[in-house]
Amino acid sequence: MRREKSKWSEKNKALVKSLEERGIMTDFGRKKVEEAKKNGQWNASNSTAVTEEQIARLSAVLEGYEPAFTNFRAMSLSVKKTYTRAYFDAKTEAGREKRIAWMVDRLNKNLKPM
């Protein structure tokens, strides 16, 4: 089930095209695509690639939290990028604070984001 304001990735747009071309797209799916086109989420830009600078900024934020900071620095680059994207995708400062709390909780346990 897709949330109303979720963005559509290029991968999912390609899937929609493929389903339509093969004639197996459902009416429910078409309705979701139309809603996304009307509310602007179809063309909303998805996050660009996470940069080394963003990872460094998140690392600096986590620096005061041990063992979360040490565990974050030991994670693979792909995991660091996932945590970083989660932090920078938050729309408000309150949202970023919630995500830091969530990250610190998971990182203290040396867990990946998902």
PDB file of N, CA and C in Angstrom:
ATOM      1  N   MET A   1       0.855  -1.173   0.000  1.00  0.00           N
ATOM      2  CA  MET A   1       0.000   0.000   0.000  1.00  0.00           C
ATOM      3  C   MET A   1       0.900   1.233   0.000  1.00  0.00           C
ATOM      4  N   ARG A   2       0.648   2.135  -0.892  1.00  0.00           N
ATOM      5  CA  ARG A   2       1.444   3.347  -1.050  1.00  0.00           C
ATOM      6  C   ARG A   2       0.827   4.479  -0.250  1.00  0.00           C
ATOM      7  N   ARG A   3       1.666   5.205   0.485  1.00  0.00           N
ATOM      8  CA  ARG A   3       1.178   6.372   1.216  1.00  0.00           C
ATOM      9  C   ARG A   3       0.856   7.487   0.237  1.00  0.00           C
ATOM     10  N   GLU A   4      -0.081   8.327   0.593  1.00  0.00           N
ATOM     11  CA  GLU A   4      -0.591   9.363  -0.307  1.00  0.00           C
ATOM     12  C   GLU A   4       0.502  10.305  -0.810  1.00  0.00           C
ATOM     13  N   LYS A   5       1.402  10.727   0.045  1.00  0.00           N
ATOM     14  CA  LYS A   5       2.411  11.718  -0.344  1.00  0.00           C
ATOM     15  C   LYS A   5       3.785  11.109  -0.620  1.00  0.00           C
ATOM     16  N   SER A   6       3.846   9.802  -0.852  1.00  0.00           N
ATOM     17  CA  SER A   6       5.141   9.189  -1.124  1.00  0.00           C
ATOM     18  C   SER A   6       5.602   9.520  -2.539  1.00  0.00           C
ATOM     19  N   LYS A   7       6.903   9.664  -2.688  1.00  0.00           N
ATOM     20  CA  LYS A   7       7.483   9.977  -3.994  1.00  0.00           C
ATOM     21  C   LYS A   7       7.602   8.698  -4.809  1.00  0.00           C
ATOM     22  N   TRP A   8       7.615   8.868  -6.116  1.00  0.00           N
ATOM     23  CA  TRP A   8       7.728   7.730  -7.025  1.00  0.00           C
ATOM     24  C   TRP A   8       9.147   7.672  -7.576  1.00  0.00           C
ATOM     25  N   SER A   9       9.858   6.609  -7.268  1.00  0.00           N
ATOM     26  CA  SER A   9      11.221   6.445  -7.758  1.00  0.00           C
ATOM     27  C   SER A   9      11.207   6.117  -9.250  1.00  0.00           C
ATOM     28  N   GLU A  10      12.329   6.325  -9.877  1.00  0.00           N
ATOM     29  CA  GLU A  10      12.457   5.981 -11.302  1.00  0.00           C
ATOM     30  C   GLU A  10      12.228   4.486 -11.503  1.00  0.00           C
ATOM     31  N   LYS A  11      12.682   3.681 -10.556  1.00  0.00           N
ATOM     32  CA  LYS A  11      12.482   2.225 -10.642  1.00  0.00           C
ATOM     33  C   LYS A  11      10.986   1.898 -10.658  1.00  0.00           C
ATOM     34  N   ASN A  12      10.211   2.546  -9.780  1.00  0.00           N
ATOM     35  CA  ASN A  12       8.772   2.273  -9.735  1.00  0.00           C
ATOM     36  C   ASN A  12       8.048   2.837 -10.947  1.00  0.00           C
ATOM     37  N   LYS A  13       8.515   3.956 -11.476  1.00  0.00           N
ATOM     38  CA  LYS A  13       7.918   4.499 -12.701  1.00  0.00           C
ATOM     39  C   LYS A  13       8.143   3.536 -13.863  1.00  0.00           C
ATOM     40  N   ALA A  14       9.336   2.954 -13.924  1.00  0.00           N
ATOM     41  CA  ALA A  14       9.634   1.974 -14.974  1.00  0.00           C
ATOM     42  C   ALA A  14       8.758   0.733 -14.807  1.00  0.00           C
ATOM     43  N   LEU A  15       8.513   0.338 -13.566  1.00  0.00           N
ATOM     44  CA  LEU A  15       7.648  -0.809 -13.303  1.00  0.00           C
ATOM     45  C   LEU A  15       6.227  -0.516 -13.779  1.00  0.00           C
ATOM     46  N   VAL A  16       5.736   0.688 -13.521  1.00  0.00           N
ATOM     47  CA  VAL A  16       4.400   1.080 -13.981  1.00  0.00           C
ATOM     48  C   VAL A  16       4.325   0.966 -15.502  1.00  0.00           C
ATOM     49  N   LYS A  17       5.344   1.479 -16.176  1.00  0.00           N
ATOM     50  CA  LYS A  17       5.376   1.430 -17.647  1.00  0.00           C
ATOM     51  C   LYS A  17       5.362  -0.021 -18.131  1.00  0.00           C
ATOM     52  N   SER A  18       6.158  -0.852 -17.490  1.00  0.00           N
ATOM     53  CA  SER A  18       6.233  -2.260 -17.872  1.00  0.00           C
ATOM     54  C   SER A  18       4.893  -2.964 -17.653  1.00  0.00           C
ATOM     55  N   LEU A  19       4.259  -2.700 -16.529  1.00  0.00           N
ATOM     56  CA  LEU A  19       2.965  -3.324 -16.245  1.00  0.00           C
ATOM     57  C   LEU A  19       1.919  -2.894 -17.269  1.00  0.00           C
ATOM     58  N   GLU A  20       1.931  -1.607 -17.619  1.00  0.00           N
ATOM     59  CA  GLU A  20       0.985  -1.101 -18.630  1.00  0.00           C
ATOM     60  C   GLU A  20       1.260  -1.740 -19.988  1.00  0.00           C
ATOM     61  N   GLU A  21       2.516  -1.813 -20.388  1.00  0.00           N
ATOM     62  CA  GLU A  21       2.869  -2.395 -21.691  1.00  0.00           C
ATOM     63  C   GLU A  21       2.467  -3.852 -21.784  1.00  0.00           C
ATOM     64  N   ARG A  22       2.568  -4.568 -20.666  1.00  0.00           N
ATOM     65  CA  ARG A  22       2.212  -5.989 -20.664  1.00  0.00           C
ATOM     66  C   ARG A  22       0.728  -6.215 -20.405  1.00  0.00           C
ATOM     67  N   GLY A  23      -0.008  -5.119 -20.149  1.00  0.00           N
ATOM     68  CA  GLY A  23      -1.449  -5.226 -19.953  1.00  0.00           C
ATOM     69  C   GLY A  23      -1.865  -5.830 -18.632  1.00  0.00           C
ATOM     70  N   ILE A  24      -1.002  -5.707 -17.624  1.00  0.00           N
ATOM     71  CA  ILE A  24      -1.340  -6.320 -16.336  1.00  0.00           C
ATOM     72  C   ILE A  24      -1.447  -5.300 -15.201  1.00  0.00           C
ATOM     73  N   MET A  25      -1.480  -4.038 -15.541  1.00  0.00           N
ATOM     74  CA  MET A  25      -1.671  -3.003 -14.522  1.00  0.00           C
ATOM     75  C   MET A  25      -3.121  -3.055 -14.049  1.00  0.00           C
ATOM     76  N   THR A  26      -3.327  -2.994 -12.744  1.00  0.00           N
ATOM     77  CA  THR A  26      -4.689  -3.027 -12.199  1.00  0.00           C
ATOM     78  C   THR A  26      -5.291  -1.623 -12.202  1.00  0.00           C
ATOM     79  N   ASP A  27      -6.604  -1.573 -12.095  1.00  0.00           N
ATOM     80  CA  ASP A  27      -7.278  -0.272 -11.990  1.00  0.00           C
ATOM     81  C   ASP A  27      -6.835   0.457 -10.725  1.00  0.00           C
ATOM     82  N   PHE A  28      -6.644  -0.296  -9.661  1.00  0.00           N
ATOM     83  CA  PHE A  28      -6.165   0.296  -8.407  1.00  0.00           C
ATOM     84  C   PHE A  28      -4.806   0.971  -8.622  1.00  0.00           C
ATOM     85  N   GLY A  29      -3.912   0.284  -9.327  1.00  0.00           N
ATOM     86  CA  GLY A  29      -2.594   0.845  -9.626  1.00  0.00           C
ATOM     87  C   GLY A  29      -2.687   2.095 -10.481  1.00  0.00           C
ATOM     88  N   ARG A  30      -3.532   2.046 -11.492  1.00  0.00           N
ATOM     89  CA  ARG A  30      -3.727   3.225 -12.354  1.00  0.00           C
ATOM     90  C   ARG A  30      -4.233   4.419 -11.545  1.00  0.00           C
ATOM     91  N   LYS A  31      -5.151   4.129 -10.621  1.00  0.00           N
ATOM     92  CA  LYS A  31      -5.704   5.189  -9.779  1.00  0.00           C
ATOM     93  C   LYS A  31      -4.595   5.825  -8.938  1.00  0.00           C
ATOM     94  N   LYS A  32      -3.708   5.023  -8.375  1.00  0.00           N
ATOM     95  CA  LYS A  32      -2.606   5.539  -7.568  1.00  0.00           C
ATOM     96  C   LYS A  32      -1.662   6.395  -8.406  1.00  0.00           C
ATOM     97  N   VAL A  33      -1.402   5.966  -9.642  1.00  0.00           N
ATOM     98  CA  VAL A  33      -0.536   6.738 -10.536  1.00  0.00           C
ATOM     99  C   VAL A  33      -1.189   8.084 -10.858  1.00  0.00           C
ATOM    100  N   GLU A  34      -2.476   8.061 -11.165  1.00  0.00           N
ATOM    101  CA  GLU A  34      -3.190   9.300 -11.477  1.00  0.00           C
ATOM    102  C   GLU A  34      -3.202  10.253 -10.284  1.00  0.00           C
ATOM    103  N   GLU A  35      -3.420   9.710  -9.091  1.00  0.00           N
ATOM    104  CA  GLU A  35      -3.381  10.536  -7.881  1.00  0.00           C
ATOM    105  C   GLU A  35      -2.012  11.179  -7.710  1.00  0.00           C
ATOM    106  N   ALA A  36      -0.967  10.402  -7.953  1.00  0.00           N
ATOM    107  CA  ALA A  36       0.398  10.919  -7.806  1.00  0.00           C
ATOM    108  C   ALA A  36       0.684  12.013  -8.830  1.00  0.00           C
ATOM    109  N   LYS A  37       0.168  11.846 -10.029  1.00  0.00           N
ATOM    110  CA  LYS A  37       0.371  12.870 -11.051  1.00  0.00           C
ATOM    111  C   LYS A  37      -0.387  14.149 -10.696  1.00  0.00           C
ATOM    112  N   LYS A  38      -1.576  14.001 -10.126  1.00  0.00           N
ATOM    113  CA  LYS A  38      -2.376  15.172  -9.742  1.00  0.00           C
ATOM    114  C   LYS A  38      -1.788  15.914  -8.546  1.00  0.00           C
ATOM    115  N   ASN A  39      -1.283  15.163  -7.548  1.00  0.00           N
ATOM    116  CA  ASN A  39      -0.779  15.833  -6.345  1.00  0.00           C
ATOM    117  C   ASN A  39       0.707  16.192  -6.432  1.00  0.00           C
ATOM    118  N   GLY A  40       1.330  15.914  -7.582  1.00  0.00           N
ATOM    119  CA  GLY A  40       2.712  16.332  -7.801  1.00  0.00           C
ATOM    120  C   GLY A  40       3.777  15.342  -7.363  1.00  0.00           C
ATOM    121  N   GLN A  41       3.372  14.238  -6.749  1.00  0.00           N
ATOM    122  CA  GLN A  41       4.365  13.279  -6.255  1.00  0.00           C
ATOM    123  C   GLN A  41       4.996  12.450  -7.367  1.00  0.00           C
ATOM    124  N   TRP A  42       4.324  12.331  -8.495  1.00  0.00           N
ATOM    125  CA  TRP A  42       4.878  11.580  -9.621  1.00  0.00           C
ATOM    126  C   TRP A  42       6.172  12.224 -10.101  1.00  0.00           C
ATOM    127  N   ASN A  43       6.188  13.557 -10.142  1.00  0.00           N
ATOM    128  CA  ASN A  43       7.366  14.276 -10.638  1.00  0.00           C
ATOM    129  C   ASN A  43       8.208  14.896  -9.534  1.00  0.00           C
ATOM    130  N   ALA A  44       7.856  14.649  -8.274  1.00  0.00           N
ATOM    131  CA  ALA A  44       8.663  15.172  -7.164  1.00  0.00           C
ATOM    132  C   ALA A  44      10.047  14.542  -7.242  1.00  0.00           C
ATOM    133  N   SER A  45      11.041  15.363  -7.082  1.00  0.00           N
ATOM    134  CA  SER A  45      12.394  14.835  -7.203  1.00  0.00           C
ATOM    135  C   SER A  45      12.700  13.922  -6.034  1.00  0.00           C
ATOM    136  N   ASN A  46      13.259  12.791  -6.354  1.00  0.00           N
ATOM    137  CA  ASN A  46      13.730  11.891  -5.317  1.00  0.00           C
ATOM    138  C   ASN A  46      15.077  12.393  -4.831  1.00  0.00           C
ATOM    139  N   SER A  47      15.438  11.926  -3.674  1.00  0.00           N
ATOM    140  CA  SER A  47      16.716  12.329  -3.118  1.00  0.00           C
ATOM    141  C   SER A  47      17.834  12.003  -4.091  1.00  0.00           C
ATOM    142  N   THR A  48      18.766  12.914  -4.177  1.00  0.00           N
ATOM    143  CA  THR A  48      19.938  12.639  -4.989  1.00  0.00           C
ATOM    144  C   THR A  48      20.857  11.724  -4.194  1.00  0.00           C
ATOM    145  N   ALA A  49      21.913  11.316  -4.803  1.00  0.00           N
ATOM    146  CA  ALA A  49      22.849  10.426  -4.143  1.00  0.00           C
ATOM    147  C   ALA A  49      23.393  11.075  -2.873  1.00  0.00           C
ATOM    148  N   VAL A  50      23.585  10.277  -1.861  1.00  0.00           N
ATOM    149  CA  VAL A  50      24.154  10.756  -0.602  1.00  0.00           C
ATOM    150  C   VAL A  50      25.634  11.051  -0.838  1.00  0.00           C
ATOM    151  N   THR A  51      26.077  12.196  -0.355  1.00  0.00           N
ATOM    152  CA  THR A  51      27.473  12.603  -0.554  1.00  0.00           C
ATOM    153  C   THR A  51      28.318  12.269   0.668  1.00  0.00           C
ATOM    154  N   GLU A  52      29.615  12.253   0.463  1.00  0.00           N
ATOM    155  CA  GLU A  52      30.558  12.048   1.567  1.00  0.00           C
ATOM    156  C   GLU A  52      30.411  13.167   2.590  1.00  0.00           C
ATOM    157  N   GLU A  53      30.126  14.381   2.098  1.00  0.00           N
ATOM    158  CA  GLU A  53      29.947  15.527   2.999  1.00  0.00           C
ATOM    159  C   GLU A  53      28.744  15.302   3.919  1.00  0.00           C
ATOM    160  N   GLN A  54      27.654  14.783   3.367  1.00  0.00           N
ATOM    161  CA  GLN A  54      26.468  14.517   4.187  1.00  0.00           C
ATOM    162  C   GLN A  54      26.760  13.440   5.238  1.00  0.00           C
ATOM    163  N   ILE A  55      27.483  12.406   4.835  1.00  0.00           N
ATOM    164  CA  ILE A  55      27.850  11.350   5.785  1.00  0.00           C
ATOM    165  C   ILE A  55      28.702  11.949   6.903  1.00  0.00           C
ATOM    166  N   ALA A  56      29.626  12.819   6.538  1.00  0.00           N
ATOM    167  CA  ALA A  56      30.487  13.463   7.540  1.00  0.00           C
ATOM    168  C   ALA A  56      29.668  14.347   8.482  1.00  0.00           C
ATOM    169  N   ARG A  57      28.663  15.047   7.924  1.00  0.00           N
ATOM    170  CA  ARG A  57      27.807  15.903   8.769  1.00  0.00           C
ATOM    171  C   ARG A  57      27.002  15.074   9.755  1.00  0.00           C
ATOM    172  N   LEU A  58      26.452  13.949   9.290  1.00  0.00           N
ATOM    173  CA  LEU A  58      25.716  13.077  10.201  1.00  0.00           C
ATOM    174  C   LEU A  58      26.663  12.489  11.245  1.00  0.00           C
ATOM    175  N   SER A  59      27.832  12.103  10.823  1.00  0.00           N
ATOM    176  CA  SER A  59      28.822  11.559  11.746  1.00  0.00           C
ATOM    177  C   SER A  59      29.136  12.572  12.847  1.00  0.00           C
ATOM    178  N   ALA A  60      29.251  13.845  12.473  1.00  0.00           N
ATOM    179  CA  ALA A  60      29.518  14.903  13.453  1.00  0.00           C
ATOM    180  C   ALA A  60      28.359  15.033  14.443  1.00  0.00           C
ATOM    181  N   VAL A  61      27.133  14.885  13.953  1.00  0.00           N
ATOM    182  CA  VAL A  61      25.963  14.950  14.831  1.00  0.00           C
ATOM    183  C   VAL A  61      25.988  13.785  15.826  1.00  0.00           C
ATOM    184  N   LEU A  62      26.388  12.619  15.354  1.00  0.00           N
ATOM    185  CA  LEU A  62      26.388  11.418  16.197  1.00  0.00           C
ATOM    186  C   LEU A  62      27.581  11.357  17.149  1.00  0.00           C
ATOM    187  N   GLU A  63      28.553  12.230  16.957  1.00  0.00           N
ATOM    188  CA  GLU A  63      29.806  12.155  17.707  1.00  0.00           C
ATOM    189  C   GLU A  63      29.609  12.154  19.226  1.00  0.00           C
ATOM    190  N   GLY A  64      28.581  12.812  19.698  1.00  0.00           N
ATOM    191  CA  GLY A  64      28.355  12.869  21.142  1.00  0.00           C
ATOM    192  C   GLY A  64      27.660  11.653  21.722  1.00  0.00           C
ATOM    193  N   TYR A  65      27.327  10.714  20.891  1.00  0.00           N
ATOM    194  CA  TYR A  65      26.581   9.536  21.345  1.00  0.00           C
ATOM    195  C   TYR A  65      27.447   8.287  21.196  1.00  0.00           C
ATOM    196  N   GLU A  66      27.907   7.762  22.305  1.00  0.00           N
ATOM    197  CA  GLU A  66      28.661   6.505  22.279  1.00  0.00           C
ATOM    198  C   GLU A  66      27.792   5.411  22.872  1.00  0.00           C
ATOM    199  N   PRO A  67      27.821   4.228  22.373  1.00  0.00           N
ATOM    200  CA  PRO A  67      28.660   3.682  21.316  1.00  0.00           C
ATOM    201  C   PRO A  67      28.097   3.882  19.902  1.00  0.00           C
ATOM    202  N   ALA A  68      26.996   4.629  19.785  1.00  0.00           N
ATOM    203  CA  ALA A  68      26.373   4.822  18.466  1.00  0.00           C
ATOM    204  C   ALA A  68      27.373   5.371  17.451  1.00  0.00           C
ATOM    205  N   PHE A  69      28.142   6.367  17.849  1.00  0.00           N
ATOM    206  CA  PHE A  69      29.101   6.996  16.934  1.00  0.00           C
ATOM    207  C   PHE A  69      30.126   5.983  16.430  1.00  0.00           C
ATOM    208  N   THR A  70      30.709   5.236  17.325  1.00  0.00           N
ATOM    209  CA  THR A  70      31.715   4.242  16.946  1.00  0.00           C
ATOM    210  C   THR A  70      31.105   3.174  16.040  1.00  0.00           C
ATOM    211  N   ASN A  71      29.914   2.738  16.379  1.00  0.00           N
ATOM    212  CA  ASN A  71      29.248   1.715  15.557  1.00  0.00           C
ATOM    213  C   ASN A  71      28.910   2.260  14.175  1.00  0.00           C
ATOM    214  N   PHE A  72      28.455   3.523  14.107  1.00  0.00           N
ATOM    215  CA  PHE A  72      28.160   4.143  12.810  1.00  0.00           C
ATOM    216  C   PHE A  72      29.406   4.171  11.943  1.00  0.00           C
ATOM    217  N   ARG A  73      30.510   4.591  12.515  1.00  0.00           N
ATOM    218  CA  ARG A  73      31.752   4.697  11.737  1.00  0.00           C
ATOM    219  C   ARG A  73      32.237   3.330  11.242  1.00  0.00           C
ATOM    220  N   ALA A  74      31.869   2.261  11.932  1.00  0.00           N
ATOM    221  CA  ALA A  74      32.290   0.914  11.536  1.00  0.00           C
ATOM    222  C   ALA A  74      31.352   0.286  10.508  1.00  0.00           C
ATOM    223  N   MET A  75      30.199   0.909  10.275  1.00  0.00           N
ATOM    224  CA  MET A  75      29.226   0.355   9.327  1.00  0.00           C
ATOM    225  C   MET A  75      29.758   0.456   7.893  1.00  0.00           C
ATOM    226  N   SER A  76      29.187  -0.364   7.022  1.00  0.00           N
ATOM    227  CA  SER A  76      29.549  -0.310   5.602  1.00  0.00           C
ATOM    228  C   SER A  76      29.060   1.008   5.008  1.00  0.00           C
ATOM    229  N   LEU A  77      29.631   1.387   3.888  1.00  0.00           N
ATOM    230  CA  LEU A  77      29.256   2.638   3.239  1.00  0.00           C
ATOM    231  C   LEU A  77      27.769   2.650   2.881  1.00  0.00           C
ATOM    232  N   SER A  78      27.248   1.531   2.409  1.00  0.00           N
ATOM    233  CA  SER A  78      25.826   1.501   2.036  1.00  0.00           C
ATOM    234  C   SER A  78      24.921   1.727   3.248  1.00  0.00           C
ATOM    235  N   VAL A  79      25.277   1.194   4.395  1.00  0.00           N
ATOM    236  CA  VAL A  79      24.487   1.391   5.611  1.00  0.00           C
ATOM    237  C   VAL A  79      24.599   2.844   6.066  1.00  0.00           C
ATOM    238  N   LYS A  80      25.801   3.401   6.007  1.00  0.00           N
ATOM    239  CA  LYS A  80      25.975   4.815   6.360  1.00  0.00           C
ATOM    240  C   LYS A  80      25.113   5.698   5.460  1.00  0.00           C
ATOM    241  N   LYS A  81      25.056   5.361   4.185  1.00  0.00           N
ATOM    242  CA  LYS A  81      24.237   6.139   3.249  1.00  0.00           C
ATOM    243  C   LYS A  81      22.756   6.026   3.593  1.00  0.00           C
ATOM    244  N   THR A  82      22.312   4.851   3.994  1.00  0.00           N
ATOM    245  CA  THR A  82      20.909   4.670   4.354  1.00  0.00           C
ATOM    246  C   THR A  82      20.552   5.509   5.578  1.00  0.00           C
ATOM    247  N   TYR A  83      21.385   5.462   6.598  1.00  0.00           N
ATOM    248  CA  TYR A  83      21.152   6.296   7.781  1.00  0.00           C
ATOM    249  C   TYR A  83      21.191   7.777   7.401  1.00  0.00           C
ATOM    250  N   THR A  84      22.151   8.147   6.580  1.00  0.00           N
ATOM    251  CA  THR A  84      22.311   9.553   6.191  1.00  0.00           C
ATOM    252  C   THR A  84      21.102  10.046   5.412  1.00  0.00           C
ATOM    253  N   ARG A  85      20.625   9.255   4.467  1.00  0.00           N
ATOM    254  CA  ARG A  85      19.445   9.647   3.698  1.00  0.00           C
ATOM    255  C   ARG A  85      18.240   9.800   4.625  1.00  0.00           C
ATOM    256  N   ALA A  86      18.085   8.889   5.566  1.00  0.00           N
ATOM    257  CA  ALA A  86      16.966   8.978   6.507  1.00  0.00           C
ATOM    258  C   ALA A  86      17.025  10.292   7.286  1.00  0.00           C
ATOM    259  N   TYR A  87      18.209  10.687   7.695  1.00  0.00           N
ATOM    260  CA  TYR A  87      18.362  11.932   8.465  1.00  0.00           C
ATOM    261  C   TYR A  87      18.059  13.151   7.597  1.00  0.00           C
ATOM    262  N   PHE A  88      18.641  13.223   6.418  1.00  0.00           N
ATOM    263  CA  PHE A  88      18.494  14.417   5.586  1.00  0.00           C
ATOM    264  C   PHE A  88      17.152  14.486   4.858  1.00  0.00           C
ATOM    265  N   ASP A  89      16.412  13.392   4.792  1.00  0.00           N
ATOM    266  CA  ASP A  89      15.084  13.421   4.185  1.00  0.00           C
ATOM    267  C   ASP A  89      14.021  13.975   5.136  1.00  0.00           C
ATOM    268  N   ALA A  90      14.353  14.100   6.405  1.00  0.00           N
ATOM    269  CA  ALA A  90      13.392  14.673   7.359  1.00  0.00           C
ATOM    270  C   ALA A  90      13.120  16.120   6.958  1.00  0.00           C
ATOM    271  N   LYS A  91      11.859  16.497   7.003  1.00  0.00           N
ATOM    272  CA  LYS A  91      11.460  17.821   6.509  1.00  0.00           C
ATOM    273  C   LYS A  91      11.622  18.929   7.548  1.00  0.00           C
ATOM    274  N   THR A  92      11.629  18.572   8.819  1.00  0.00           N
ATOM    275  CA  THR A  92      11.693  19.589   9.873  1.00  0.00           C
ATOM    276  C   THR A  92      12.803  19.251  10.861  1.00  0.00           C
ATOM    277  N   GLU A  93      13.166  20.236  11.652  1.00  0.00           N
ATOM    278  CA  GLU A  93      14.161  20.002  12.700  1.00  0.00           C
ATOM    279  C   GLU A  93      13.633  18.979  13.709  1.00  0.00           C
ATOM    280  N   ALA A  94      12.347  19.062  14.023  1.00  0.00           N
ATOM    281  CA  ALA A  94      11.746  18.086  14.938  1.00  0.00           C
ATOM    282  C   ALA A  94      11.848  16.675  14.353  1.00  0.00           C
ATOM    283  N   GLY A  95      11.642  16.571  13.053  1.00  0.00           N
ATOM    284  CA  GLY A  95      11.768  15.281  12.394  1.00  0.00           C
ATOM    285  C   GLY A  95      13.190  14.748  12.439  1.00  0.00           C
ATOM    286  N   ARG A  96      14.165  15.647  12.250  1.00  0.00           N
ATOM    287  CA  ARG A  96      15.572  15.230  12.328  1.00  0.00           C
ATOM    288  C   ARG A  96      15.925  14.781  13.744  1.00  0.00           C
ATOM    289  N   GLU A  97      15.392  15.481  14.746  1.00  0.00           N
ATOM    290  CA  GLU A  97      15.648  15.087  16.134  1.00  0.00           C
ATOM    291  C   GLU A  97      15.075  13.704  16.432  1.00  0.00           C
ATOM    292  N   LYS A  98      13.873  13.429  15.926  1.00  0.00           N
ATOM    293  CA  LYS A  98      13.272  12.104  16.108  1.00  0.00           C
ATOM    294  C   LYS A  98      14.128  11.038  15.438  1.00  0.00           C
ATOM    295  N   ARG A  99      14.623  11.364  14.256  1.00  0.00           N
ATOM    296  CA  ARG A  99      15.434  10.377  13.531  1.00  0.00           C
ATOM    297  C   ARG A  99      16.769  10.138  14.220  1.00  0.00           C
ATOM    298  N   ILE A 100      17.344  11.176  14.799  1.00  0.00           N
ATOM    299  CA  ILE A 100      18.588  10.975  15.545  1.00  0.00           C
ATOM    300  C   ILE A 100      18.330  10.047  16.729  1.00  0.00           C
ATOM    301  N   ALA A 101      17.234  10.274  17.440  1.00  0.00           N
ATOM    302  CA  ALA A 101      16.905   9.406  18.579  1.00  0.00           C
ATOM    303  C   ALA A 101      16.741   7.960  18.114  1.00  0.00           C
ATOM    304  N   TRP A 102      16.045   7.782  16.988  1.00  0.00           N
ATOM    305  CA  TRP A 102      15.852   6.437  16.421  1.00  0.00           C
ATOM    306  C   TRP A 102      17.198   5.818  16.031  1.00  0.00           C
ATOM    307  N   MET A 103      18.047   6.629  15.372  1.00  0.00           N
ATOM    308  CA  MET A 103      19.358   6.131  14.938  1.00  0.00           C
ATOM    309  C   MET A 103      20.224   5.749  16.132  1.00  0.00           C
ATOM    310  N   VAL A 104      20.279   6.612  17.134  1.00  0.00           N
ATOM    311  CA  VAL A 104      21.101   6.340  18.301  1.00  0.00           C
ATOM    312  C   VAL A 104      20.645   5.055  18.976  1.00  0.00           C
ATOM    313  N   ASP A 105      19.342   4.869  19.079  1.00  0.00           N
ATOM    314  CA  ASP A 105      18.816   3.642  19.675  1.00  0.00           C
ATOM    315  C   ASP A 105      19.291   2.422  18.891  1.00  0.00           C
ATOM    316  N   ARG A 106      19.176   2.467  17.583  1.00  0.00           N
ATOM    317  CA  ARG A 106      19.581   1.320  16.756  1.00  0.00           C
ATOM    318  C   ARG A 106      21.098   1.149  16.750  1.00  0.00           C
ATOM    319  N   LEU A 107      21.807   2.257  16.610  1.00  0.00           N
ATOM    320  CA  LEU A 107      23.271   2.176  16.541  1.00  0.00           C
ATOM    321  C   LEU A 107      23.886   1.743  17.868  1.00  0.00           C
ATOM    322  N   ASN A 108      23.281   2.108  18.983  1.00  0.00           N
ATOM    323  CA  ASN A 108      23.774   1.639  20.279  1.00  0.00           C
ATOM    324  C   ASN A 108      23.727   0.117  20.356  1.00  0.00           C
ATOM    325  N   LYS A 109      22.802  -0.471  19.611  1.00  0.00           N
ATOM    326  CA  LYS A 109      22.661  -1.933  19.552  1.00  0.00           C
ATOM    327  C   LYS A 109      23.421  -2.514  18.363  1.00  0.00           C
ATOM    328  N   ASN A 110      24.121  -1.638  17.630  1.00  0.00           N
ATOM    329  CA  ASN A 110      24.893  -2.027  16.445  1.00  0.00           C
ATOM    330  C   ASN A 110      24.006  -2.649  15.371  1.00  0.00           C
ATOM    331  N   LEU A 111      22.814  -2.046  15.183  1.00  0.00           N
ATOM    332  CA  LEU A 111      21.859  -2.543  14.200  1.00  0.00           C
ATOM    333  C   LEU A 111      21.852  -1.677  12.948  1.00  0.00           C
ATOM    334  N   LYS A 112      21.549  -2.307  11.834  1.00  0.00           N
ATOM    335  CA  LYS A 112      21.354  -1.588  10.580  1.00  0.00           C
ATOM    336  C   LYS A 112      20.021  -0.858  10.640  1.00  0.00           C
ATOM    337  N   PRO A 113      19.793   0.080   9.709  1.00  0.00           N
ATOM    338  CA  PRO A 113      18.561   0.870   9.756  1.00  0.00           C
ATOM    339  C   PRO A 113      17.285   0.050   9.707  1.00  0.00           C
ATOM    340  N   MET A 114      17.233  -0.990   8.899  1.00  0.00           N
ATOM    341  CA  MET A 114      15.988  -1.749   8.738  1.00  0.00           C
ATOM    342  C   MET A 114      16.200  -3.182   9.137  1.00  0.00           C
TER     343      MET A 114
END
